[in-house]
C-alpha atoms as a PDB file:
ATOM      1  CA  UNK A   1       0.000   0.000   0.000  1.00  0.00           C
ATOM      2  CA  UNK A   2       1.357   3.462  -0.896  1.00  0.00           C
ATOM      3  CA  UNK A   3       0.523   6.679   0.932  1.00  0.00           C
ATOM      4  CA  UNK A   4       1.449  10.341   0.862  1.00  0.00           C
ATOM      5  CA  UNK A   5       3.330  11.364   3.991  1.00  0.00           C
ATOM      6  CA  UNK A   6       2.259  14.321   6.113  1.00  0.00           C
ATOM      7  CA  UNK A   7       4.552  16.205   8.448  1.00  0.00           C
ATOM      8  CA  UNK A   8       3.143  18.933  10.677  1.00  0.00           C
ATOM      9  CA  UNK A   9       0.931  21.101   8.485  1.00  0.00           C
ATOM     10  CA  UNK A  10       2.742  20.372   5.224  1.00  0.00           C
ATOM     11  CA  UNK A  11       2.112  17.514   2.845  1.00  0.00           C
ATOM     12  CA  UNK A  12       5.264  15.963   1.428  1.00  0.00           C
ATOM     13  CA  UNK A  13       5.203  14.705  -2.140  1.00  0.00           C
ATOM     14  CA  UNK A  14       7.339  11.716  -1.229  1.00  0.00           C
ATOM     15  CA  UNK A  15       5.505   8.393  -1.200  1.00  0.00           C
ATOM     16  CA  UNK A  16       6.450   5.349   0.816  1.00  0.00           C
ATOM     17  CA  UNK A  17       5.260   1.801   1.369  1.00  0.00           C
ATOM     18  CA  UNK A  18       3.684   0.826   4.685  1.00  0.00           C
ATOM     19  CA  UNK A  19       4.002  -2.588   6.267  1.00  0.00           C
ATOM     20  CA  UNK A  20       0.792  -4.602   6.521  1.00  0.00           C
ATOM     21  CA  UNK A  21      -0.516  -4.776  10.102  1.00  0.00           C
ATOM     22  CA  UNK A  22      -3.285  -7.214  11.024  1.00  0.00           C
ATOM     23  CA  UNK A  23      -6.380  -5.216  12.056  1.00  0.00           C
ATOM     24  CA  UNK A  24      -7.089  -7.425  15.071  1.00  0.00           C
ATOM     25  CA  UNK A  25      -3.663  -6.971  16.651  1.00  0.00           C
ATOM     26  CA  UNK A  26      -4.501  -5.131  19.869  1.00  0.00           C
ATOM     27  CA  UNK A  27      -0.825  -4.877  20.785  1.00  0.00           C
ATOM     28  CA  UNK A  28      -0.351  -2.205  18.128  1.00  0.00           C
ATOM     29  CA  UNK A  29      -3.675  -0.344  18.532  1.00  0.00           C
ATOM     30  CA  UNK A  30      -3.788   3.286  19.633  1.00  0.00           C
ATOM     31  CA  UNK A  31      -6.395   6.062  19.540  1.00  0.00           C
ATOM     32  CA  UNK A  32      -6.401   9.694  18.505  1.00  0.00           C
ATOM     33  CA  UNK A  33      -9.105  12.359  18.306  1.00  0.00           C
ATOM     34  CA  UNK A  34      -9.380  15.116  15.733  1.00  0.00           C
ATOM     35  CA  UNK A  35     -11.057  16.342  12.561  1.00  0.00           C
ATOM     36  CA  UNK A  36     -10.806  14.377   9.306  1.00  0.00           C
ATOM     37  CA  UNK A  37      -9.580  16.408   6.322  1.00  0.00           C
ATOM     38  CA  UNK A  38      -8.662  15.579   2.734  1.00  0.00           C
ATOM     39  CA  UNK A  39      -5.376  17.219   1.711  1.00  0.00           C
ATOM     40  CA  UNK A  40      -3.427  17.462  -1.516  1.00  0.00           C
ATOM     41  CA  UNK A  41      -4.516  17.905  -5.104  1.00  0.00           C
ATOM     42  CA  UNK A  42      -6.128  15.284  -7.325  1.00  0.00           C
ATOM     43  CA  UNK A  43      -5.083  12.635  -8.023  1.00  0.00           C
ATOM     44  CA  UNK A  44      -2.711  12.573  -5.018  1.00  0.00           C
ATOM     45  CA  UNK A  45      -5.054  13.372  -2.157  1.00  0.00           C
ATOM     46  CA  UNK A  46      -4.947  11.710   1.230  1.00  0.00           C
ATOM     47  CA  UNK A  47      -6.854  11.781   4.503  1.00  0.00           C
ATOM     48  CA  UNK A  48      -5.431  13.491   7.554  1.00  0.00           C
ATOM     49  CA  UNK A  49      -6.562  13.674  11.163  1.00  0.00           C
ATOM     50  CA  UNK A  50      -5.972  17.177  12.525  1.00  0.00           C
ATOM     51  CA  UNK A  51      -5.407  16.563  16.215  1.00  0.00           C
ATOM     52  CA  UNK A  52      -4.612  19.245  18.774  1.00  0.00           C
ATOM     53  CA  UNK A  53      -2.752  16.670  20.881  1.00  0.00           C
ATOM     54  CA  UNK A  54      -0.747  14.993  18.086  1.00  0.00           C
ATOM     55  CA  UNK A  55      -0.709  17.426  15.162  1.00  0.00           C
ATOM     56  CA  UNK A  56      -1.484  16.210  11.649  1.00  0.00           C
ATOM     57  CA  UNK A  57      -1.642  12.440  11.304  1.00  0.00           C
ATOM     58  CA  UNK A  58      -1.750  10.871   7.841  1.00  0.00           C
ATOM     59  CA  UNK A  59      -4.368   8.105   7.641  1.00  0.00           C
ATOM     60  CA  UNK A  60      -4.984   5.073   5.495  1.00  0.00           C
ATOM     61  CA  UNK A  61      -7.914   2.684   5.743  1.00  0.00           C
ATOM     62  CA  UNK A  62      -9.624  -0.033   3.780  1.00  0.00           C
ATOM     63  CA  UNK A  63     -12.752   1.059   1.922  1.00  0.00           C
ATOM     64  CA  UNK A  64     -14.810  -0.954   4.426  1.00  0.00           C
ATOM     65  CA  UNK A  65     -13.884   1.528   7.163  1.00  0.00           C
ATOM     66  CA  UNK A  66     -15.600   4.391   5.220  1.00  0.00           C
ATOM     67  CA  UNK A  67     -13.262   6.992   6.682  1.00  0.00           C
ATOM     68  CA  UNK A  68     -13.593   9.353   3.696  1.00  0.00           C
ATOM     69  CA  UNK A  69     -17.285   9.850   4.502  1.00  0.00           C
ATOM     70  CA  UNK A  70     -16.291  11.407   7.838  1.00  0.00           C
ATOM     71  CA  UNK A  71     -14.500  14.358   6.218  1.00  0.00           C
ATOM     72  CA  UNK A  72     -15.047  17.507   8.306  1.00  0.00           C
ATOM     73  CA  UNK A  73     -16.259  15.581  11.348  1.00  0.00           C
ATOM     74  CA  UNK A  74     -14.538  15.214  14.689  1.00  0.00           C
ATOM     75  CA  UNK A  75     -13.794  11.546  15.268  1.00  0.00           C
ATOM     76  CA  UNK A  76     -11.884   9.176  17.498  1.00  0.00           C
ATOM     77  CA  UNK A  77      -9.870   6.688  15.480  1.00  0.00           C
ATOM     78  CA  UNK A  78      -8.517   3.334  16.559  1.00  0.00           C
ATOM     79  CA  UNK A  79      -5.469   2.603  14.493  1.00  0.00           C
ATOM     80  CA  UNK A  80      -2.103   0.963  14.195  1.00  0.00           C
ATOM     81  CA  UNK A  81       0.453   3.698  14.788  1.00  0.00           C
ATOM     82  CA  UNK A  82       3.278   3.999  12.278  1.00  0.00           C
ATOM     83  CA  UNK A  83       6.589   2.245  12.499  1.00  0.00           C
ATOM     84  CA  UNK A  84       9.270   4.265  14.274  1.00  0.00           C
ATOM     85  CA  UNK A  85       9.926   7.531  12.461  1.00  0.00           C
ATOM     86  CA  UNK A  86       6.708   7.384  10.418  1.00  0.00           C
ATOM     87  CA  UNK A  87       3.526   9.425  10.718  1.00  0.00           C
ATOM     88  CA  UNK A  88       0.907   7.370   8.841  1.00  0.00           C
ATOM     89  CA  UNK A  89      -1.647   5.437  10.872  1.00  0.00           C
ATOM     90  CA  UNK A  90      -3.641   2.459   9.524  1.00  0.00           C
ATOM     91  CA  UNK A  91      -7.211   3.043  10.753  1.00  0.00           C
ATOM     92  CA  UNK A  92      -9.209   0.002  11.861  1.00  0.00           C
ATOM     93  CA  UNK A  93     -12.332   1.886  12.977  1.00  0.00           C
ATOM     94  CA  UNK A  94     -13.590   5.298  13.980  1.00  0.00           C
ATOM     95  CA  UNK A  95     -16.468   6.885  15.871  1.00  0.00           C
ATOM     96  CA  UNK A  96     -17.974  10.293  15.193  1.00  0.00           C
ATOM     97  CA  UNK A  97     -17.900  12.563  18.259  1.00  0.00           C
ATOM     98  CA  UNK A  98     -18.855  16.035  16.976  1.00  0.00           C
ATOM     99  CA  UNK A  99     -19.749  18.144  13.959  1.00  0.00           C
ATOM    100  CA  UNK A 100     -19.073  21.881  13.999  1.00  0.00           C
ATOM    101  CA  UNK A 101     -18.617  21.696  17.770  1.00  0.00           C
ATOM    102  CA  UNK A 102     -21.967  19.978  18.401  1.00  0.00           C
ATOM    103  CA  UNK A 103     -21.923  16.539  20.039  1.00  0.00           C
ATOM    104  CA  UNK A 104     -22.616  13.713  17.611  1.00  0.00           C
ATOM    105  CA  UNK A 105     -22.635   9.933  17.459  1.00  0.00           C
ATOM    106  CA  UNK A 106     -22.775   7.282  14.793  1.00  0.00           C
ATOM    107  CA  UNK A 107     -24.177   3.830  14.337  1.00  0.00           C
ATOM    108  CA  UNK A 108     -26.439   1.673  12.233  1.00  0.00           C
ATOM    109  CA  UNK A 109     -29.996   2.990  11.925  1.00  0.00           C
ATOM    110  CA  UNK A 110     -32.537   0.343  12.932  1.00  0.00           C
ATOM    111  CA  UNK A 111     -36.305   0.188  13.117  1.00  0.00           C
ATOM    112  CA  UNK A 112     -38.286  -2.308  15.159  1.00  0.00           C
ATOM    113  CA  UNK A 113     -42.025  -1.888  14.662  1.00  0.00           C
ATOM    114  CA  UNK A 114     -42.561   1.826  15.309  1.00  0.00           C
ATOM    115  CA  UNK A 115     -39.376   2.322  17.360  1.00  0.00           C
ATOM    116  CA  UNK A 116     -36.195   3.814  15.886  1.00  0.00           C
ATOM    117  CA  UNK A 117     -32.738   3.356  17.329  1.00  0.00           C
ATOM    118  CA  UNK A 118     -29.074   3.723  16.568  1.00  0.00           C
ATOM    119  CA  UNK A 119     -26.898   0.650  17.158  1.00  0.00           C
ATOM    120  CA  UNK A 120     -23.475   1.897  18.222  1.00  0.00           C
ATOM    121  CA  UNK A 121     -20.252   0.019  17.389  1.00  0.00           C
ATOM    122  CA  UNK A 122     -20.133  -1.377  20.941  1.00  0.00           C
ATOM    123  CA  UNK A 123     -23.666  -2.801  20.558  1.00  0.00           C
ATOM    124  CA  UNK A 124     -25.351  -0.117  22.659  1.00  0.00           C
ATOM    125  CA  UNK A 125     -28.831   0.809  21.412  1.00  0.00           C
ATOM    126  CA  UNK A 126     -29.704   4.512  21.495  1.00  0.00           C
ATOM    127  CA  UNK A 127     -33.446   5.232  21.124  1.00  0.00           C
ATOM    128  CA  UNK A 128     -34.406   7.879  18.553  1.00  0.00           C
ATOM    129  CA  UNK A 129     -37.958   9.060  19.307  1.00  0.00           C
ATOM    130  CA  UNK A 130     -38.048  11.655  16.493  1.00  0.00           C
ATOM    131  CA  UNK A 131     -36.756  10.500  13.106  1.00  0.00           C
ATOM    132  CA  UNK A 132     -37.367  12.742  10.067  1.00  0.00           C
ATOM    133  CA  UNK A 133     -38.535  11.044   6.867  1.00  0.00           C
ATOM    134  CA  UNK A 134     -35.200  11.791   5.171  1.00  0.00           C
ATOM    135  CA  UNK A 135     -33.404   9.845   7.926  1.00  0.00           C
ATOM    136  CA  UNK A 136     -36.022   7.065   7.975  1.00  0.00           C
ATOM    137  CA  UNK A 137     -35.088   6.255   4.377  1.00  0.00           C
ATOM    138  CA  UNK A 138     -31.621   5.226   5.625  1.00  0.00           C
ATOM    139  CA  UNK A 139     -32.594   2.097   7.592  1.00  0.00           C
ATOM    140  CA  UNK A 140     -29.621  -0.252   7.721  1.00  0.00           C
ATOM    141  CA  UNK A 141     -27.055   2.428   6.871  1.00  0.00           C
ATOM    142  CA  UNK A 142     -24.288   3.621   9.165  1.00  0.00           C
ATOM    143  CA  UNK A 143     -25.149   7.252   9.829  1.00  0.00           C
ATOM    144  CA  UNK A 144     -23.980  10.051  12.078  1.00  0.00           C
ATOM    145  CA  UNK A 145     -26.522  11.978  14.165  1.00  0.00           C
ATOM    146  CA  UNK A 146     -25.659  15.492  15.310  1.00  0.00           C
ATOM    147  CA  UNK A 147     -27.339  16.891  18.418  1.00  0.00           C
ATOM    148  CA  UNK A 148     -29.501  15.401  21.163  1.00  0.00           C
ATOM    149  CA  UNK A 149     -31.241  12.111  20.407  1.00  0.00           C
ATOM    150  CA  UNK A 150     -34.547  13.110  22.029  1.00  0.00           C
ATOM    151  CA  UNK A 151     -35.458  15.312  19.045  1.00  0.00           C
ATOM    152  CA  UNK A 152     -34.788  15.581  15.320  1.00  0.00           C
ATOM    153  CA  UNK A 153     -31.077  15.870  14.490  1.00  0.00           C
ATOM    154  CA  UNK A 154     -29.388  19.218  13.946  1.00  0.00           C
ATOM    155  CA  UNK A 155     -27.617  17.478  11.063  1.00  0.00           C
ATOM    156  CA  UNK A 156     -26.981  13.931   9.907  1.00  0.00           C
ATOM    157  CA  UNK A 157     -25.146  12.108   7.183  1.00  0.00           C
ATOM    158  CA  UNK A 158     -24.375   8.706   5.735  1.00  0.00           C
ATOM    159  CA  UNK A 159     -21.060   7.055   6.533  1.00  0.00           C
ATOM    160  CA  UNK A 160     -21.799   3.776   4.765  1.00  0.00           C
ATOM    161  CA  UNK A 161     -24.978   2.536   3.063  1.00  0.00           C
END
């Protein structure tokens, strides 16, 4: 796998190969929180996590992780940190935490009879008493919900259909 390296706030044009790390290897897992951004110019763009604690972290992920759909959102990633001297993390999963400073969460939208809920990654079920028709059309999709869950969302979006 080839990625564009990021150092601080600058994107280097140098490309390097990353070693493959098994996604289930907890010994190499770490977390970071920040905002997902796409940097660079087509066709050499890459995803970066802008973290106040760690600076800019270059990210790679399989398509199944759907990280690109979280662009502009504040997330917590679980990833394999880079080998010594590197700055590119292999993301295994992420959770949405905020959008434009408003608390948010993500999960799979479910409906059971007339009850709506969001199934979080940890299996927790969050009831959603007010679901707009535009959100109701997304049953089964992984979505993010911005704002309190006892009313219609301030904003929402699809992370993976």
